[in-house]
Amino acid sequence: RIQQLLRAGRALALTTDRSHSTVALKFERHASGAAADRPFLLYGDQR
């Protein structure tokens, strides 16, 4: 898990401020990719 966090940190550090790689865009791409049917939010009895 530490290795994963370090890789994510390096990727963010290399991303320029003019990048379009916003969280909203990444979320949208997750929703249409392999993670589409994976849990995103659990809240009480809602999934």
All heavy atoms as atom14 arrays in JSON, in Angstrom:
{
  "sequence": "RIQQLLRAGRALALTTDRSHSTVALKFERHASGAAADRPFLLYGDQR",
  "atom14_mask": [
    [1, 1, 1, 1, 1, 1, 1, 1, 1, 1, 1, 0, 0, 0],
    [1, 1, 1, 1, 1, 1, 1, 1, 0, 0, 0, 0, 0, 0],
    [1, 1, 1, 1, 1, 1, 1, 1, 1, 0, 0, 0, 0, 0],
    [1, 1, 1, 1, 1, 1, 1, 1, 1, 0, 0, 0, 0, 0],
    [1, 1, 1, 1, 1, 1, 1, 1, 0, 0, 0, 0, 0, 0],
    [1, 1, 1, 1, 1, 1, 1, 1, 0, 0, 0, 0, 0, 0],
    [1, 1, 1, 1, 1, 1, 1, 1, 1, 1, 1, 0, 0, 0],
    [1, 1, 1, 1, 1, 0, 0, 0, 0, 0, 0, 0, 0, 0],
    [1, 1, 1, 1, 0, 0, 0, 0, 0, 0, 0, 0, 0, 0],
    [1, 1, 1, 1, 1, 1, 1, 1, 1, 1, 1, 0, 0, 0],
    [1, 1, 1, 1, 1, 0, 0, 0, 0, 0, 0, 0, 0, 0],
    [1, 1, 1, 1, 1, 1, 1, 1, 0, 0, 0, 0, 0, 0],
    [1, 1, 1, 1, 1, 0, 0, 0, 0, 0, 0, 0, 0, 0],
    [1, 1, 1, 1, 1, 1, 1, 1, 0, 0, 0, 0, 0, 0],
    [1, 1, 1, 1, 1, 1, 1, 0, 0, 0, 0, 0, 0, 0],
    [1, 1, 1, 1, 1, 1, 1, 0, 0, 0, 0, 0, 0, 0],
    [1, 1, 1, 1, 1, 1, 1, 1, 0, 0, 0, 0, 0, 0],
    [1, 1, 1, 1, 1, 1, 1, 1, 1, 1, 1, 0, 0, 0],
    [1, 1, 1, 1, 1, 1, 0, 0, 0, 0, 0, 0, 0, 0],
    [1, 1, 1, 1, 1, 1, 1, 1, 1, 1, 0, 0, 0, 0],
    [1, 1, 1, 1, 1, 1, 0, 0, 0, 0, 0, 0, 0, 0],
    [1, 1, 1, 1, 1, 1, 1, 0, 0, 0, 0, 0, 0, 0],
    [1, 1, 1, 1, 1, 1, 1, 0, 0, 0, 0, 0, 0, 0],
    [1, 1, 1, 1, 1, 0, 0, 0, 0, 0, 0, 0, 0, 0],
    [1, 1, 1, 1, 1, 1, 1, 1, 0, 0, 0, 0, 0, 0],
    [1, 1, 1, 1, 1, 1, 1, 1, 1, 0, 0, 0, 0, 0],
    [1, 1, 1, 1, 1, 1, 1, 1, 1, 1, 1, 0, 0, 0],
    [1, 1, 1, 1, 1, 1, 1, 1, 1, 0, 0, 0, 0, 0],
    [1, 1, 1, 1, 1, 1, 1, 1, 1, 1, 1, 0, 0, 0],
    [1, 1, 1, 1, 1, 1, 1, 1, 1, 1, 0, 0, 0, 0],
    [1, 1, 1, 1, 1, 0, 0, 0, 0, 0, 0, 0, 0, 0],
    [1, 1, 1, 1, 1, 1, 0, 0, 0, 0, 0, 0, 0, 0],
    [1, 1, 1, 1, 0, 0, 0, 0, 0, 0, 0, 0, 0, 0],
    [1, 1, 1, 1, 1, 0, 0, 0, 0, 0, 0, 0, 0, 0],
    [1, 1, 1, 1, 1, 0, 0, 0, 0, 0, 0, 0, 0, 0],
    [1, 1, 1, 1, 1, 0, 0, 0, 0, 0, 0, 0, 0, 0],
    [1, 1, 1, 1, 1, 1, 1, 1, 0, 0, 0, 0, 0, 0],
    [1, 1, 1, 1, 1, 1, 1, 1, 1, 1, 1, 0, 0, 0],
    [1, 1, 1, 1, 1, 1, 1, 0, 0, 0, 0, 0, 0, 0],
    [1, 1, 1, 1, 1, 1, 1, 1, 1, 1, 1, 0, 0, 0],
    [1, 1, 1, 1, 1, 1, 1, 1, 0, 0, 0, 0, 0, 0],
    [1, 1, 1, 1, 1, 1, 1, 1, 0, 0, 0, 0, 0, 0],
    [1, 1, 1, 1, 1, 1, 1, 1, 1, 1, 1, 1, 0, 0],
    [1, 1, 1, 1, 0, 0, 0, 0, 0, 0, 0, 0, 0, 0],
    [1, 1, 1, 1, 1, 1, 1, 1, 0, 0, 0, 0, 0, 0],
    [1, 1, 1, 1, 1, 1, 1, 1, 1, 0, 0, 0, 0, 0],
    [1, 1, 1, 1, 1, 1, 1, 1, 1, 1, 1, 0, 0, 0]
  ],
  "atom14_positions": [
    [[0.83, -1.21, 0.0], [0.0, 0.0, 0.0], [0.86, 1.25, 0.0], [0.56, 2.22, -0.7], [-0.91, -0.02, 1.24], [-1.8, 1.21, 1.38], [-2.69, 1.4, 0.16], [-3.59, 2.52, 0.32], [-4.11, 3.2, -0.7], [-3.81, 2.87, -1.95], [-4.92, 4.21, -0.49], [0.0, 0.0, 0.0], [0.0, 0.0, 0.0], [0.0, 0.0, 0.0]],
    [[1.97, 1.24, 0.73], [2.89, 2.38, 0.74], [3.47, 2.61, -0.64], [3.58, 3.74, -1.12], [4.0, 2.15, 1.78], [3.42, 2.21, 3.2], [5.12, 3.2, 1.63], [4.4, 1.83, 4.27], [0.0, 0.0, 0.0], [0.0, 0.0, 0.0], [0.0, 0.0, 0.0], [0.0, 0.0, 0.0], [0.0, 0.0, 0.0], [0.0, 0.0, 0.0]],
    [[3.84, 1.5, -1.32], [4.35, 1.63, -2.67], [3.32, 2.26, -3.61], [3.65, 3.09, -4.46], [4.76, 0.25, -3.21], [6.03, -0.31, -2.6], [6.39, -1.64, -3.2], [5.54, -2.51, -3.37], [7.64, -1.81, -3.56], [0.0, 0.0, 0.0], [0.0, 0.0, 0.0], [0.0, 0.0, 0.0], [0.0, 0.0, 0.0], [0.0, 0.0, 0.0]],
    [[2.04, 1.87, -3.45], [0.98, 2.43, -4.27], [0.85, 3.93, -4.04], [0.68, 4.71, -5.0], [-0.34, 1.73, -3.96], [-0.41, 0.29, -4.43], [-1.67, -0.4, -3.94], [-2.39, 0.12, -3.08], [-1.96, -1.57, -4.49], [0.0, 0.0, 0.0], [0.0, 0.0, 0.0], [0.0, 0.0, 0.0], [0.0, 0.0, 0.0], [0.0, 0.0, 0.0]],
    [[0.92, 4.35, -2.79], [0.81, 5.77, -2.46], [1.98, 6.56, -3.02], [1.82, 7.68, -3.51], [0.72, 5.95, -0.94], [-0.57, 5.45, -0.28], [-0.45, 5.5, 1.23], [-1.77, 6.27, -0.74], [0.0, 0.0, 0.0], [0.0, 0.0, 0.0], [0.0, 0.0, 0.0], [0.0, 0.0, 0.0], [0.0, 0.0, 0.0], [0.0, 0.0, 0.0]],
    [[3.17, 5.98, -2.96], [4.34, 6.65, -3.5], [4.24, 6.8, -5.01], [4.57, 7.85, -5.57], [5.61, 5.87, -3.13], [6.04, 5.93, -1.66], [7.2, 4.98, -1.42], [6.42, 7.35, -1.27], [0.0, 0.0, 0.0], [0.0, 0.0, 0.0], [0.0, 0.0, 0.0], [0.0, 0.0, 0.0], [0.0, 0.0, 0.0], [0.0, 0.0, 0.0]],
    [[3.75, 5.76, -5.69], [3.57, 5.85, -7.14], [2.55, 6.93, -7.48], [2.72, 7.69, -8.43], [3.13, 4.5, -7.71], [4.27, 3.48, -7.79], [3.87, 2.31, -8.69], [2.76, 1.56, -8.15], [2.9, 0.51, -7.33], [4.12, 0.11, -6.96], [1.85, -0.15, -6.89], [0.0, 0.0, 0.0], [0.0, 0.0, 0.0], [0.0, 0.0, 0.0]],
    [[1.45, 6.99, -6.71], [0.42, 8.01, -6.95], [0.98, 9.4, -6.72], [0.68, 10.34, -7.46], [-0.78, 7.77, -6.04], [0.0, 0.0, 0.0], [0.0, 0.0, 0.0], [0.0, 0.0, 0.0], [0.0, 0.0, 0.0], [0.0, 0.0, 0.0], [0.0, 0.0, 0.0], [0.0, 0.0, 0.0], [0.0, 0.0, 0.0], [0.0, 0.0, 0.0]],
    [[1.8, 9.55, -5.7], [2.42, 10.85, -5.4], [3.35, 11.29, -6.52], [3.35, 12.47, -6.9], [0.0, 0.0, 0.0], [0.0, 0.0, 0.0], [0.0, 0.0, 0.0], [0.0, 0.0, 0.0], [0.0, 0.0, 0.0], [0.0, 0.0, 0.0], [0.0, 0.0, 0.0], [0.0, 0.0, 0.0], [0.0, 0.0, 0.0], [0.0, 0.0, 0.0]],
    [[4.14, 10.36, -7.06], [5.03, 10.71, -8.16], [4.23, 11.12, -9.4], [4.57, 12.06, -10.1], [5.94, 9.53, -8.49], [7.07, 9.32, -7.5], [8.14, 8.4, -8.08], [7.64, 7.06, -8.29], [7.71, 6.09, -7.39], [8.26, 6.34, -6.21], [7.26, 4.89, -7.67], [0.0, 0.0, 0.0], [0.0, 0.0, 0.0], [0.0, 0.0, 0.0]],
    [[3.14, 10.42, -9.66], [2.3, 10.74, -10.82], [1.7, 12.13, -10.68], [1.65, 12.9, -11.64], [1.19, 9.7, -10.97], [0.0, 0.0, 0.0], [0.0, 0.0, 0.0], [0.0, 0.0, 0.0], [0.0, 0.0, 0.0], [0.0, 0.0, 0.0], [0.0, 0.0, 0.0], [0.0, 0.0, 0.0], [0.0, 0.0, 0.0], [0.0, 0.0, 0.0]],
    [[1.25, 12.48, -9.47], [0.67, 13.8, -9.25], [1.72, 14.89, -9.39], [1.47, 15.95, -9.94], [0.03, 13.86, -7.85], [-0.66, 15.17, -7.48], [-1.8, 15.44, -8.46], [-1.19, 15.13, -6.06], [0.0, 0.0, 0.0], [0.0, 0.0, 0.0], [0.0, 0.0, 0.0], [0.0, 0.0, 0.0], [0.0, 0.0, 0.0], [0.0, 0.0, 0.0]],
    [[2.93, 14.61, -8.89], [4.01, 15.6, -8.97], [4.38, 15.91, -10.41], [4.81, 17.01, -10.74], [5.23, 15.1, -8.21], [0.0, 0.0, 0.0], [0.0, 0.0, 0.0], [0.0, 0.0, 0.0], [0.0, 0.0, 0.0], [0.0, 0.0, 0.0], [0.0, 0.0, 0.0], [0.0, 0.0, 0.0], [0.0, 0.0, 0.0], [0.0, 0.0, 0.0]],
    [[4.22, 14.91, -11.31], [4.58, 15.09, -12.71], [3.46, 15.7, -13.54], [3.64, 16.0, -14.7], [4.99, 13.74, -13.31], [6.29, 13.13, -12.75], [6.46, 11.71, -13.28], [7.48, 13.99, -13.11], [0.0, 0.0, 0.0], [0.0, 0.0, 0.0], [0.0, 0.0, 0.0], [0.0, 0.0, 0.0], [0.0, 0.0, 0.0], [0.0, 0.0, 0.0]],
    [[2.29, 15.86, -12.94], [1.15, 16.41, -13.65], [1.2, 17.93, -13.62], [1.32, 18.53, -12.56], [-0.17, 15.94, -13.0], [-0.17, 14.52, -12.96], [-1.36, 16.43, -13.81], [0.0, 0.0, 0.0], [0.0, 0.0, 0.0], [0.0, 0.0, 0.0], [0.0, 0.0, 0.0], [0.0, 0.0, 0.0], [0.0, 0.0, 0.0], [0.0, 0.0, 0.0]],
    [[1.15, 18.59, -14.78], [1.24, 20.04, -14.83], [-0.1, 20.67, -14.5], [-1.16, 20.02, -14.59], [1.67, 20.5, -16.24], [0.6, 20.23, -17.16], [2.92, 19.77, -16.69], [0.0, 0.0, 0.0], [0.0, 0.0, 0.0], [0.0, 0.0, 0.0], [0.0, 0.0, 0.0], [0.0, 0.0, 0.0], [0.0, 0.0, 0.0], [0.0, 0.0, 0.0]],
    [[-0.06, 21.95, -14.12], [-1.29, 22.65, -13.79], [-2.21, 22.82, -14.99], [-3.39, 23.08, -14.84], [-0.97, 24.03, -13.19], [-0.47, 23.94, -11.77], [-0.63, 22.86, -11.17], [0.09, 24.93, -11.26], [0.0, 0.0, 0.0], [0.0, 0.0, 0.0], [0.0, 0.0, 0.0], [0.0, 0.0, 0.0], [0.0, 0.0, 0.0], [0.0, 0.0, 0.0]],
    [[-1.65, 22.67, -16.2], [-2.47, 22.78, -17.41], [-3.04, 21.43, -17.84], [-3.72, 21.33, -18.85], [-1.65, 23.42, -18.53], [-1.47, 24.92, -18.35], [-0.64, 25.53, -19.44], [0.77, 25.14, -19.34], [1.73, 25.57, -20.16], [1.43, 26.4, -21.14], [2.97, 25.19, -19.99], [0.0, 0.0, 0.0], [0.0, 0.0, 0.0], [0.0, 0.0, 0.0]],
    [[-2.76, 20.4, -17.05], [-3.3, 19.09, -17.34], [-4.81, 19.09, -17.15], [-5.35, 19.8, -16.31], [-2.67, 18.04, -16.41], [-3.39, 16.83, -16.45], [0.0, 0.0, 0.0], [0.0, 0.0, 0.0], [0.0, 0.0, 0.0], [0.0, 0.0, 0.0], [0.0, 0.0, 0.0], [0.0, 0.0, 0.0], [0.0, 0.0, 0.0], [0.0, 0.0, 0.0]],
    [[-5.49, 18.28, -17.95], [-6.94, 18.14, -17.83], [-7.31, 16.97, -16.92], [-8.48, 16.6, -16.85], [-7.55, 17.94, -19.21], [-7.37, 19.11, -20.12], [-8.22, 20.2, -20.12], [-6.41, 19.37, -21.05], [-7.8, 21.08, -21.02], [-6.72, 20.61, -21.6], [0.0, 0.0, 0.0], [0.0, 0.0, 0.0], [0.0, 0.0, 0.0], [0.0, 0.0, 0.0]],
    [[-6.33, 16.42, -16.23], [-6.55, 15.21, -15.42], [-7.14, 15.56, -14.05], [-6.54, 15.29, -13.0], [-5.22, 14.45, -15.25], [-5.44, 13.2, -14.66], [0.0, 0.0, 0.0], [0.0, 0.0, 0.0], [0.0, 0.0, 0.0], [0.0, 0.0, 0.0], [0.0, 0.0, 0.0], [0.0, 0.0, 0.0], [0.0, 0.0, 0.0], [0.0, 0.0, 0.0]],
    [[-8.32, 16.15, -14.06], [-8.99, 16.51, -12.81], [-9.65, 15.28, -12.19], [-9.85, 14.27, -12.87], [-10.07, 17.57, -13.06], [-11.08, 17.01, -13.91], [-9.49, 18.82, -13.72], [0.0, 0.0, 0.0], [0.0, 0.0, 0.0], [0.0, 0.0, 0.0], [0.0, 0.0, 0.0], [0.0, 0.0, 0.0], [0.0, 0.0, 0.0], [0.0, 0.0, 0.0]],
    [[-9.99, 15.39, -10.93], [-10.66, 14.28, -10.26], [-12.01, 13.98, -10.92], [-12.41, 12.82, -11.06], [-10.84, 14.58, -8.76], [-11.82, 13.6, -8.13], [-9.5, 14.49, -8.05], [0.0, 0.0, 0.0], [0.0, 0.0, 0.0], [0.0, 0.0, 0.0], [0.0, 0.0, 0.0], [0.0, 0.0, 0.0], [0.0, 0.0, 0.0], [0.0, 0.0, 0.0]],
    [[-12.71, 15.04, -11.34], [-14.01, 14.84, -11.99], [-13.85, 14.0, -13.26], [-14.66, 13.12, -13.56], [-14.66, 16.18, -12.31], [0.0, 0.0, 0.0], [0.0, 0.0, 0.0], [0.0, 0.0, 0.0], [0.0, 0.0, 0.0], [0.0, 0.0, 0.0], [0.0, 0.0, 0.0], [0.0, 0.0, 0.0], [0.0, 0.0, 0.0], [0.0, 0.0, 0.0]],
    [[-12.8, 14.28, -14.03], [-12.57, 13.53, -15.26], [-12.14, 12.09, -14.95], [-12.6, 11.14, -15.59], [-11.5, 14.22, -16.11], [-11.18, 13.55, -17.45], [-12.42, 13.44, -18.32], [-10.08, 14.31, -18.18], [0.0, 0.0, 0.0], [0.0, 0.0, 0.0], [0.0, 0.0, 0.0], [0.0, 0.0, 0.0], [0.0, 0.0, 0.0], [0.0, 0.0, 0.0]],
    [[-11.27, 11.92, -13.95], [-10.84, 10.57, -13.58], [-12.03, 9.74, -13.08], [-12.17, 8.56, -13.4], [-9.77, 10.65, -12.5], [-8.42, 11.15, -13.01], [-7.39, 11.17, -11.89], [-6.04, 11.61, -12.41], [-5.02, 11.64, -11.33], [0.0, 0.0, 0.0], [0.0, 0.0, 0.0], [0.0, 0.0, 0.0], [0.0, 0.0, 0.0], [0.0, 0.0, 0.0]],
    [[-12.88, 10.38, -12.3], [-14.09, 9.71, -11.8], [-14.97, 9.26, -12.96], [-15.45, 8.13, -13.0], [-14.84, 10.66, -10.87], [-16.24, 10.22, -10.53], [-16.45, 9.16, -9.66], [-17.33, 10.88, -11.07], [-17.74, 8.76, -9.34], [-18.62, 10.49, -10.76], [-18.83, 9.42, -9.89], [0.0, 0.0, 0.0], [0.0, 0.0, 0.0], [0.0, 0.0, 0.0]],
    [[-15.14, 10.15, -13.93], [-15.98, 9.84, -15.09], [-15.4, 8.66, -15.87], [-16.16, 7.78, -16.34], [-16.07, 11.07, -15.99], [-17.06, 10.97, -17.12], [-17.23, 12.3, -17.83], [-17.89, 13.2, -17.26], [-16.69, 12.42, -18.95], [0.0, 0.0, 0.0], [0.0, 0.0, 0.0], [0.0, 0.0, 0.0], [0.0, 0.0, 0.0], [0.0, 0.0, 0.0]],
    [[-14.1, 8.61, -16.0], [-13.47, 7.52, -16.76], [-13.55, 6.2, -15.99], [-13.71, 5.15, -16.6], [-12.03, 7.89, -17.08], [-11.95, 8.98, -18.16], [-10.55, 9.45, -18.43], [-10.51, 10.38, -19.56], [-9.45, 11.1, -19.91], [-8.32, 10.99, -19.21], [-9.51, 11.92, -20.94], [0.0, 0.0, 0.0], [0.0, 0.0, 0.0], [0.0, 0.0, 0.0]],
    [[-13.43, 6.26, -14.66], [-13.62, 5.05, -13.86], [-15.03, 4.49, -14.08], [-15.22, 3.27, -14.12], [-13.43, 5.36, -12.37], [-12.01, 5.27, -11.92], [-11.24, 4.13, -12.03], [-11.2, 6.19, -11.33], [-10.04, 4.35, -11.54], [-9.98, 5.59, -11.11], [0.0, 0.0, 0.0], [0.0, 0.0, 0.0], [0.0, 0.0, 0.0], [0.0, 0.0, 0.0]],
    [[-16.0, 5.39, -14.19], [-17.39, 4.97, -14.32], [-17.7, 4.3, -15.65], [-18.73, 3.64, -15.79], [-18.31, 6.17, -14.11], [0.0, 0.0, 0.0], [0.0, 0.0, 0.0], [0.0, 0.0, 0.0], [0.0, 0.0, 0.0], [0.0, 0.0, 0.0], [0.0, 0.0, 0.0], [0.0, 0.0, 0.0], [0.0, 0.0, 0.0], [0.0, 0.0, 0.0]],
    [[-16.83, 4.47, -16.63], [-17.06, 3.85, -17.94], [-16.02, 2.77, -18.25], [-16.03, 2.2, -19.33], [-17.03, 4.91, -19.04], [-15.77, 5.55, -19.09], [0.0, 0.0, 0.0], [0.0, 0.0, 0.0], [0.0, 0.0, 0.0], [0.0, 0.0, 0.0], [0.0, 0.0, 0.0], [0.0, 0.0, 0.0], [0.0, 0.0, 0.0], [0.0, 0.0, 0.0]],
    [[-15.13, 2.52, -17.27], [-14.08, 1.54, -17.5], [-14.27, 0.28, -16.68], [-15.4, -0.08, -16.31], [0.0, 0.0, 0.0], [0.0, 0.0, 0.0], [0.0, 0.0, 0.0], [0.0, 0.0, 0.0], [0.0, 0.0, 0.0], [0.0, 0.0, 0.0], [0.0, 0.0, 0.0], [0.0, 0.0, 0.0], [0.0, 0.0, 0.0], [0.0, 0.0, 0.0]],
    [[-13.15, -0.36, -16.37], [-13.2, -1.64, -15.67], [-13.78, -1.54, -14.27], [-14.29, -2.51, -13.71], [-11.79, -2.23, -15.61], [0.0, 0.0, 0.0], [0.0, 0.0, 0.0], [0.0, 0.0, 0.0], [0.0, 0.0, 0.0], [0.0, 0.0, 0.0], [0.0, 0.0, 0.0], [0.0, 0.0, 0.0], [0.0, 0.0, 0.0], [0.0, 0.0, 0.0]],
    [[-13.71, -0.34, -13.68], [-14.2, -0.15, -12.31], [-15.67, 0.22, -12.24], [-16.21, 0.45, -11.16], [-13.38, 0.93, -11.6], [0.0, 0.0, 0.0], [0.0, 0.0, 0.0], [0.0, 0.0, 0.0], [0.0, 0.0, 0.0], [0.0, 0.0, 0.0], [0.0, 0.0, 0.0], [0.0, 0.0, 0.0], [0.0, 0.0, 0.0], [0.0, 0.0, 0.0]],
    [[-16.35, 0.27, -13.38], [-17.71, 0.81, -13.45], [-18.67, 0.19, -12.45], [-19.49, 0.89, -11.84], [-18.27, 0.66, -14.86], [0.0, 0.0, 0.0], [0.0, 0.0, 0.0], [0.0, 0.0, 0.0], [0.0, 0.0, 0.0], [0.0, 0.0, 0.0], [0.0, 0.0, 0.0], [0.0, 0.0, 0.0], [0.0, 0.0, 0.0], [0.0, 0.0, 0.0]],
    [[-18.57, -1.11, -12.25], [-19.52, -1.8, -11.37], [-18.92, -2.13, -10.0], [-19.51, -2.9, -9.23], [-20.02, -3.08, -12.05], [-20.85, -2.75, -13.3], [-21.7, -1.84, -13.22], [-20.61, -3.37, -14.35], [0.0, 0.0, 0.0], [0.0, 0.0, 0.0], [0.0, 0.0, 0.0], [0.0, 0.0, 0.0], [0.0, 0.0, 0.0], [0.0, 0.0, 0.0]],
    [[-17.79, -1.51, -9.7], [-17.2, -1.67, -8.37], [-17.81, -0.65, -7.42], [-18.28, 0.41, -7.84], [-15.69, -1.49, -8.43], [-14.97, -2.58, -9.22], [-13.5, -2.29, -9.34], [-12.83, -3.27, -10.18], [-11.58, -3.15, -10.61], [-10.87, -2.08, -10.28], [-11.05, -4.09, -11.37], [0.0, 0.0, 0.0], [0.0, 0.0, 0.0], [0.0, 0.0, 0.0]],
    [[-17.8, -0.94, -6.12], [-18.38, 0.0, -5.15], [-17.62, 1.33, -5.15], [-16.39, 1.35, -5.1], [-18.22, -0.72, -3.81], [-18.08, -2.16, -4.15], [-17.36, -2.2, -5.48], [0.0, 0.0, 0.0], [0.0, 0.0, 0.0], [0.0, 0.0, 0.0], [0.0, 0.0, 0.0], [0.0, 0.0, 0.0], [0.0, 0.0, 0.0], [0.0, 0.0, 0.0]],
    [[-18.36, 2.41, -5.22], [-17.79, 3.75, -5.08], [-18.11, 4.35, -3.73], [-17.28, 4.97, -3.09], [-18.33, 4.66, -6.19], [-17.99, 6.12, -5.98], [-16.71, 6.58, -6.19], [-18.97, 7.03, -5.57], [-16.37, 7.92, -5.99], [-18.66, 8.36, -5.37], [-17.36, 8.82, -5.57], [0.0, 0.0, 0.0], [0.0, 0.0, 0.0], [0.0, 0.0, 0.0]],
    [[-19.35, 4.14, -3.26], [-19.78, 4.77, -2.01], [-20.71, 3.83, -1.25], [-21.67, 3.3, -1.82], [-20.51, 6.09, -2.31], [-21.1, 6.83, -1.12], [-19.99, 7.31, -0.18], [-21.94, 8.01, -1.58], [0.0, 0.0, 0.0], [0.0, 0.0, 0.0], [0.0, 0.0, 0.0], [0.0, 0.0, 0.0], [0.0, 0.0, 0.0], [0.0, 0.0, 0.0]],
    [[-20.42, 3.66, 0.02], [-21.29, 2.93, 0.94], [-21.72, 3.92, 2.02], [-20.88, 4.53, 2.68], [-20.56, 1.74, 1.57], [-20.02, 0.68, 0.61], [-19.23, -0.37, 1.37], [-21.16, 0.02, -0.16], [0.0, 0.0, 0.0], [0.0, 0.0, 0.0], [0.0, 0.0, 0.0], [0.0, 0.0, 0.0], [0.0, 0.0, 0.0], [0.0, 0.0, 0.0]],
    [[-23.02, 4.09, 2.17], [-23.54, 5.07, 3.13], [-24.77, 4.47, 3.8], [-25.83, 4.36, 3.18], [-23.9, 6.37, 2.41], [-24.41, 7.47, 3.32], [-23.52, 8.25, 4.05], [-25.78, 7.72, 3.43], [-23.99, 9.26, 4.88], [-26.25, 8.72, 4.26], [-25.35, 9.49, 4.99], [-25.82, 10.5, 5.81], [0.0, 0.0, 0.0], [0.0, 0.0, 0.0]],
    [[-24.61, 4.05, 5.05], [-25.71, 3.35, 5.71], [-26.04, 2.09, 4.94], [-25.16, 1.28, 4.65], [0.0, 0.0, 0.0], [0.0, 0.0, 0.0], [0.0, 0.0, 0.0], [0.0, 0.0, 0.0], [0.0, 0.0, 0.0], [0.0, 0.0, 0.0], [0.0, 0.0, 0.0], [0.0, 0.0, 0.0], [0.0, 0.0, 0.0], [0.0, 0.0, 0.0]],
    [[-27.29, 1.94, 4.56], [-27.69, 0.77, 3.78], [-27.71, 1.07, 2.27], [-28.19, 0.26, 1.48], [-29.06, 0.27, 4.23], [-30.16, 1.32, 4.08], [-29.83, 2.46, 3.69], [-31.32, 1.01, 4.36], [0.0, 0.0, 0.0], [0.0, 0.0, 0.0], [0.0, 0.0, 0.0], [0.0, 0.0, 0.0], [0.0, 0.0, 0.0], [0.0, 0.0, 0.0]],
    [[-27.16, 2.23, 1.88], [-27.1, 2.58, 0.46], [-25.74, 2.17, -0.11], [-24.7, 2.3, 0.54], [-27.28, 4.09, 0.27], [-28.62, 4.62, 0.75], [-28.73, 6.11, 0.52], [-28.83, 6.57, -0.61], [-28.73, 6.87, 1.61], [0.0, 0.0, 0.0], [0.0, 0.0, 0.0], [0.0, 0.0, 0.0], [0.0, 0.0, 0.0], [0.0, 0.0, 0.0]],
    [[-25.77, 1.72, -1.35], [-24.55, 1.3, -2.05], [-24.6, 1.85, -3.48], [-25.6, 1.69, -4.18], [-24.45, -0.22, -2.08], [-23.25, -0.77, -2.82], [-23.31, -2.29, -2.87], [-22.17, -2.88, -3.55], [-22.06, -3.02, -4.87], [-23.06, -2.57, -5.66], [-21.0, -3.57, -5.4], [0.0, 0.0, 0.0], [0.0, 0.0, 0.0], [0.0, 0.0, 0.0]]
  ]
}
